[in-house]
Amino acid sequence: MTVKLSLRVNGKQVDAEIDPRTLLAQFLRENLHLTGTHVGCDTGQCGACTVHLDGRAVKSCNLLAIQAQGAEVVTIEGLAAPNGDMHPMQAAFKECHGLQCGFCTPGMVMSATALLKDNPKPTEEQIRGGLDGNMCRCTGYHNIVKAVQTCAAGS
């Protein structure tokens, strides 16, 4: 059995027939080949799969794709400008060395951009709280927080 799925991903209309058990992360990676959305834990603990769903940061490994019916999804690939210029948050992560292995980075960037959308001038405590659902095993978070502060200061 399949179900029809219709949504917008990174500004483009997407229509597909999928197994109703397909997770949003699985759909993005396997059907649309948007592999910037990482799957680290399959339990919603690590945040590597974070995308924006109608402007909200969500963990795509915890959502069925069909739950995004009619929605607007933005992945890490959709943040960059059409000419390829990095989003300011991506540039801040690069400038501040807010990444090491890079596995958590897409989810961190997606969570951080949603945080600044809701709170353009967060305190360090608010940044740490806003990124609480994202795990990084490499950086110690110091430069990640610094990247978010740098991006916030530039906006």
C-alpha atoms as a PDB file:
ATOM      1  CA  MET A   1       0.000   0.000   0.000  1.00  0.00           C
ATOM      2  CA  THR A   2       1.212   3.516  -0.784  1.00  0.00           C
ATOM      3  CA  VAL A   3      -0.031   6.996   0.014  1.00  0.00           C
ATOM      4  CA  LYS A   4       0.273  10.187  -1.983  1.00  0.00           C
ATOM      5  CA  LEU A   5       2.509  12.843  -0.513  1.00  0.00           C
ATOM      6  CA  SER A   6       2.557  16.446  -1.663  1.00  0.00           C
ATOM      7  CA  LEU A   7       4.766  19.082  -0.058  1.00  0.00           C
ATOM      8  CA  ARG A   8       7.341  21.753  -0.817  1.00  0.00           C
ATOM      9  CA  VAL A   9      10.987  20.995  -0.093  1.00  0.00           C
ATOM     10  CA  ASN A  10      13.526  23.795  -0.329  1.00  0.00           C
ATOM     11  CA  GLY A  11      11.073  25.858  -2.348  1.00  0.00           C
ATOM     12  CA  LYS A  12      10.222  23.136  -4.885  1.00  0.00           C
ATOM     13  CA  GLN A  13       6.978  21.235  -5.165  1.00  0.00           C
ATOM     14  CA  VAL A  14       7.398  17.511  -4.503  1.00  0.00           C
ATOM     15  CA  ASP A  15       4.774  14.880  -5.223  1.00  0.00           C
ATOM     16  CA  ALA A  16       5.403  11.214  -4.501  1.00  0.00           C
ATOM     17  CA  GLU A  17       3.792   7.921  -3.648  1.00  0.00           C
ATOM     18  CA  ILE A  18       5.357   6.442  -0.550  1.00  0.00           C
ATOM     19  CA  ASP A  19       4.938   3.673   1.965  1.00  0.00           C
ATOM     20  CA  PRO A  20       2.925   5.246   4.819  1.00  0.00           C
ATOM     21  CA  ARG A  21       5.612   4.104   7.292  1.00  0.00           C
ATOM     22  CA  THR A  22       8.319   6.235   5.607  1.00  0.00           C
ATOM     23  CA  LEU A  23       9.983   8.649   7.996  1.00  0.00           C
ATOM     24  CA  LEU A  24      10.539  12.232   6.858  1.00  0.00           C
ATOM     25  CA  ALA A  25      14.325  11.836   7.242  1.00  0.00           C
ATOM     26  CA  GLN A  26      14.217   8.674   5.148  1.00  0.00           C
ATOM     27  CA  PHE A  27      12.110  10.386   2.464  1.00  0.00           C
ATOM     28  CA  LEU A  28      14.478  13.360   2.272  1.00  0.00           C
ATOM     29  CA  ARG A  29      17.608  11.213   2.094  1.00  0.00           C
ATOM     30  CA  GLU A  30      16.446   8.254   0.013  1.00  0.00           C
ATOM     31  CA  ASN A  31      13.748   9.677  -2.236  1.00  0.00           C
ATOM     32  CA  LEU A  32      15.031  13.219  -2.728  1.00  0.00           C
ATOM     33  CA  HIS A  33      18.761  12.497  -2.225  1.00  0.00           C
ATOM     34  CA  LEU A  34      19.091  15.401   0.220  1.00  0.00           C
ATOM     35  CA  THR A  35      21.749  13.720   2.299  1.00  0.00           C
ATOM     36  CA  GLY A  36      22.647  16.760   4.386  1.00  0.00           C
ATOM     37  CA  THR A  37      19.914  15.652   6.769  1.00  0.00           C
ATOM     38  CA  HIS A  38      21.833  13.161   8.886  1.00  0.00           C
ATOM     39  CA  VAL A  39      20.406  10.288  10.909  1.00  0.00           C
ATOM     40  CA  GLY A  40      22.461   9.627  13.982  1.00  0.00           C
ATOM     41  CA  CYS A  41      20.291   7.917  16.542  1.00  0.00           C
ATOM     42  CA  ASP A  42      16.838   7.125  15.083  1.00  0.00           C
ATOM     43  CA  THR A  43      15.316   8.162  18.414  1.00  0.00           C
ATOM     44  CA  GLY A  44      15.199  11.971  18.233  1.00  0.00           C
ATOM     45  CA  GLN A  45      17.970  12.320  20.821  1.00  0.00           C
ATOM     46  CA  CYS A  46      20.878  13.677  18.755  1.00  0.00           C
ATOM     47  CA  GLY A  47      19.289  16.334  16.517  1.00  0.00           C
ATOM     48  CA  ALA A  48      21.398  15.525  13.441  1.00  0.00           C
ATOM     49  CA  CYS A  49      18.185  15.118  11.429  1.00  0.00           C
ATOM     50  CA  THR A  50      16.781  18.573  12.264  1.00  0.00           C
ATOM     51  CA  VAL A  51      14.956  20.348   9.436  1.00  0.00           C
ATOM     52  CA  HIS A  52      12.467  23.204   9.325  1.00  0.00           C
ATOM     53  CA  LEU A  53       8.824  22.228   8.940  1.00  0.00           C
ATOM     54  CA  ASP A  54       6.672  25.278   8.278  1.00  0.00           C
ATOM     55  CA  GLY A  55       9.374  27.398   9.916  1.00  0.00           C
ATOM     56  CA  ARG A  56       9.804  25.259  13.052  1.00  0.00           C
ATOM     57  CA  ALA A  57      12.864  23.156  13.818  1.00  0.00           C
ATOM     58  CA  VAL A  58      11.799  19.491  14.005  1.00  0.00           C
ATOM     59  CA  LYS A  59      13.611  16.189  14.201  1.00  0.00           C
ATOM     60  CA  SER A  60      12.781  14.461  10.943  1.00  0.00           C
ATOM     61  CA  CYS A  61      13.606  10.966  12.240  1.00  0.00           C
ATOM     62  CA  ASN A  62      10.594  11.250  14.556  1.00  0.00           C
ATOM     63  CA  LEU A  63       8.044  12.258  11.928  1.00  0.00           C
ATOM     64  CA  LEU A  64       6.350  10.240   9.277  1.00  0.00           C
ATOM     65  CA  ALA A  65       6.734  11.878   5.887  1.00  0.00           C
ATOM     66  CA  ILE A  66       2.956  11.907   5.517  1.00  0.00           C
ATOM     67  CA  GLN A  67       2.798  14.208   8.565  1.00  0.00           C
ATOM     68  CA  ALA A  68       4.439  16.847   6.351  1.00  0.00           C
ATOM     69  CA  GLN A  69       1.557  16.669   3.849  1.00  0.00           C
ATOM     70  CA  GLY A  70       1.062  20.162   2.391  1.00  0.00           C
ATOM     71  CA  ALA A  71       3.910  21.616   4.442  1.00  0.00           C
ATOM     72  CA  GLU A  72       7.045  23.546   3.581  1.00  0.00           C
ATOM     73  CA  VAL A  73      10.236  21.703   4.511  1.00  0.00           C
ATOM     74  CA  VAL A  74      13.652  23.331   4.446  1.00  0.00           C
ATOM     75  CA  THR A  75      16.773  21.210   4.768  1.00  0.00           C
ATOM     76  CA  ILE A  76      20.385  22.307   5.191  1.00  0.00           C
ATOM     77  CA  GLU A  77      20.664  22.275   1.380  1.00  0.00           C
ATOM     78  CA  GLY A  78      17.849  24.832   1.206  1.00  0.00           C
ATOM     79  CA  LEU A  79      19.528  27.420   3.438  1.00  0.00           C
ATOM     80  CA  ALA A  80      22.145  28.544   0.931  1.00  0.00           C
ATOM     81  CA  ALA A  81      21.285  31.323  -1.497  1.00  0.00           C
ATOM     82  CA  PRO A  82      20.382  30.290  -5.064  1.00  0.00           C
ATOM     83  CA  ASN A  83      23.807  31.513  -6.225  1.00  0.00           C
ATOM     84  CA  GLY A  84      25.474  29.154  -3.731  1.00  0.00           C
ATOM     85  CA  ASP A  85      26.418  31.738  -1.108  1.00  0.00           C
ATOM     86  CA  MET A  86      26.242  30.298   2.380  1.00  0.00           C
ATOM     87  CA  HIS A  87      23.496  31.290   4.772  1.00  0.00           C
ATOM     88  CA  PRO A  88      24.895  33.670   7.450  1.00  0.00           C
ATOM     89  CA  MET A  89      24.658  30.886  10.045  1.00  0.00           C
ATOM     90  CA  GLN A  90      26.627  28.519   7.832  1.00  0.00           C
ATOM     91  CA  ALA A  91      29.245  31.230   7.317  1.00  0.00           C
ATOM     92  CA  ALA A  92      29.417  31.866  11.073  1.00  0.00           C
ATOM     93  CA  PHE A  93      29.961  28.152  11.769  1.00  0.00           C
ATOM     94  CA  LYS A  94      32.819  28.205   9.259  1.00  0.00           C
ATOM     95  CA  GLU A  95      34.323  31.460  10.564  1.00  0.00           C
ATOM     96  CA  CYS A  96      34.112  30.412  14.230  1.00  0.00           C
ATOM     97  CA  HIS A  97      35.238  26.816  13.686  1.00  0.00           C
ATOM     98  CA  GLY A  98      31.892  25.580  15.013  1.00  0.00           C
ATOM     99  CA  LEU A  99      32.402  22.140  13.525  1.00  0.00           C
ATOM    100  CA  GLN A 100      34.884  19.340  13.513  1.00  0.00           C
ATOM    101  CA  CYS A 101      33.710  16.060  12.041  1.00  0.00           C
ATOM    102  CA  GLY A 102      30.616  17.819  10.646  1.00  0.00           C
ATOM    103  CA  PHE A 103      28.095  15.092  11.411  1.00  0.00           C
ATOM    104  CA  CYS A 104      26.009  17.198  13.797  1.00  0.00           C
ATOM    105  CA  THR A 105      26.532  20.452  11.885  1.00  0.00           C
ATOM    106  CA  PRO A 106      23.439  20.388   9.622  1.00  0.00           C
ATOM    107  CA  GLY A 107      21.152  19.812  12.598  1.00  0.00           C
ATOM    108  CA  MET A 108      22.961  22.416  14.687  1.00  0.00           C
ATOM    109  CA  VAL A 109      22.691  24.998  11.902  1.00  0.00           C
ATOM    110  CA  MET A 110      19.002  24.268  11.360  1.00  0.00           C
ATOM    111  CA  SER A 111      18.250  24.526  15.095  1.00  0.00           C
ATOM    112  CA  ALA A 112      20.327  27.694  15.419  1.00  0.00           C
ATOM    113  CA  THR A 113      18.601  29.436  12.500  1.00  0.00           C
ATOM    114  CA  ALA A 114      15.196  28.598  13.989  1.00  0.00           C
ATOM    115  CA  LEU A 115      16.382  29.903  17.360  1.00  0.00           C
ATOM    116  CA  LEU A 116      17.430  33.255  15.872  1.00  0.00           C
ATOM    117  CA  LYS A 117      14.182  33.526  13.964  1.00  0.00           C
ATOM    118  CA  ASP A 118      12.307  33.338  17.275  1.00  0.00           C
ATOM    119  CA  ASN A 119      14.897  35.229  19.344  1.00  0.00           C
ATOM    120  CA  PRO A 120      17.223  37.407  17.213  1.00  0.00           C
ATOM    121  CA  LYS A 121      19.432  38.463  20.146  1.00  0.00           C
ATOM    122  CA  PRO A 122      19.673  35.475  22.497  1.00  0.00           C
ATOM    123  CA  THR A 123      21.886  35.317  25.551  1.00  0.00           C
ATOM    124  CA  GLU A 124      24.501  32.573  25.826  1.00  0.00           C
ATOM    125  CA  GLU A 125      22.164  30.686  28.171  1.00  0.00           C
ATOM    126  CA  GLN A 126      19.311  30.953  25.650  1.00  0.00           C
ATOM    127  CA  ILE A 127      21.578  29.695  22.855  1.00  0.00           C
ATOM    128  CA  ARG A 128      22.670  26.716  24.932  1.00  0.00           C
ATOM    129  CA  GLY A 129      19.028  26.023  25.805  1.00  0.00           C
ATOM    130  CA  GLY A 130      17.967  26.353  22.167  1.00  0.00           C
ATOM    131  CA  LEU A 131      20.582  23.840  21.071  1.00  0.00           C
ATOM    132  CA  ASP A 132      19.913  21.481  23.966  1.00  0.00           C
ATOM    133  CA  GLY A 133      18.338  18.817  21.722  1.00  0.00           C
ATOM    134  CA  ASN A 134      21.428  18.630  19.493  1.00  0.00           C
ATOM    135  CA  MET A 135      24.428  16.526  20.435  1.00  0.00           C
ATOM    136  CA  CYS A 136      28.001  17.091  19.349  1.00  0.00           C
ATOM    137  CA  ARG A 137      30.686  14.615  20.287  1.00  0.00           C
ATOM    138  CA  CYS A 138      33.634  16.640  18.981  1.00  0.00           C
ATOM    139  CA  THR A 139      33.533  20.344  19.734  1.00  0.00           C
ATOM    140  CA  GLY A 140      32.586  20.907  23.357  1.00  0.00           C
ATOM    141  CA  TYR A 141      29.986  23.414  22.053  1.00  0.00           C
ATOM    142  CA  HIS A 142      32.081  26.524  22.784  1.00  0.00           C
ATOM    143  CA  ASN A 143      32.621  27.434  19.116  1.00  0.00           C
ATOM    144  CA  ILE A 144      29.076  26.427  18.192  1.00  0.00           C
ATOM    145  CA  VAL A 145      27.726  28.940  20.712  1.00  0.00           C
ATOM    146  CA  LYS A 146      30.253  31.494  19.440  1.00  0.00           C
ATOM    147  CA  ALA A 147      29.005  30.924  15.857  1.00  0.00           C
ATOM    148  CA  VAL A 148      25.390  31.557  16.882  1.00  0.00           C
ATOM    149  CA  GLN A 149      26.434  34.696  18.778  1.00  0.00           C
ATOM    150  CA  THR A 150      28.403  35.889  15.735  1.00  0.00           C
ATOM    151  CA  CYS A 151      25.444  35.331  13.425  1.00  0.00           C
ATOM    152  CA  ALA A 152      23.088  37.081  15.870  1.00  0.00           C
ATOM    153  CA  ALA A 153      25.438  40.058  16.119  1.00  0.00           C
ATOM    154  CA  GLY A 154      25.486  40.373  12.326  1.00  0.00           C
ATOM    155  CA  SER A 155      21.706  40.396  11.951  1.00  0.00           C
END
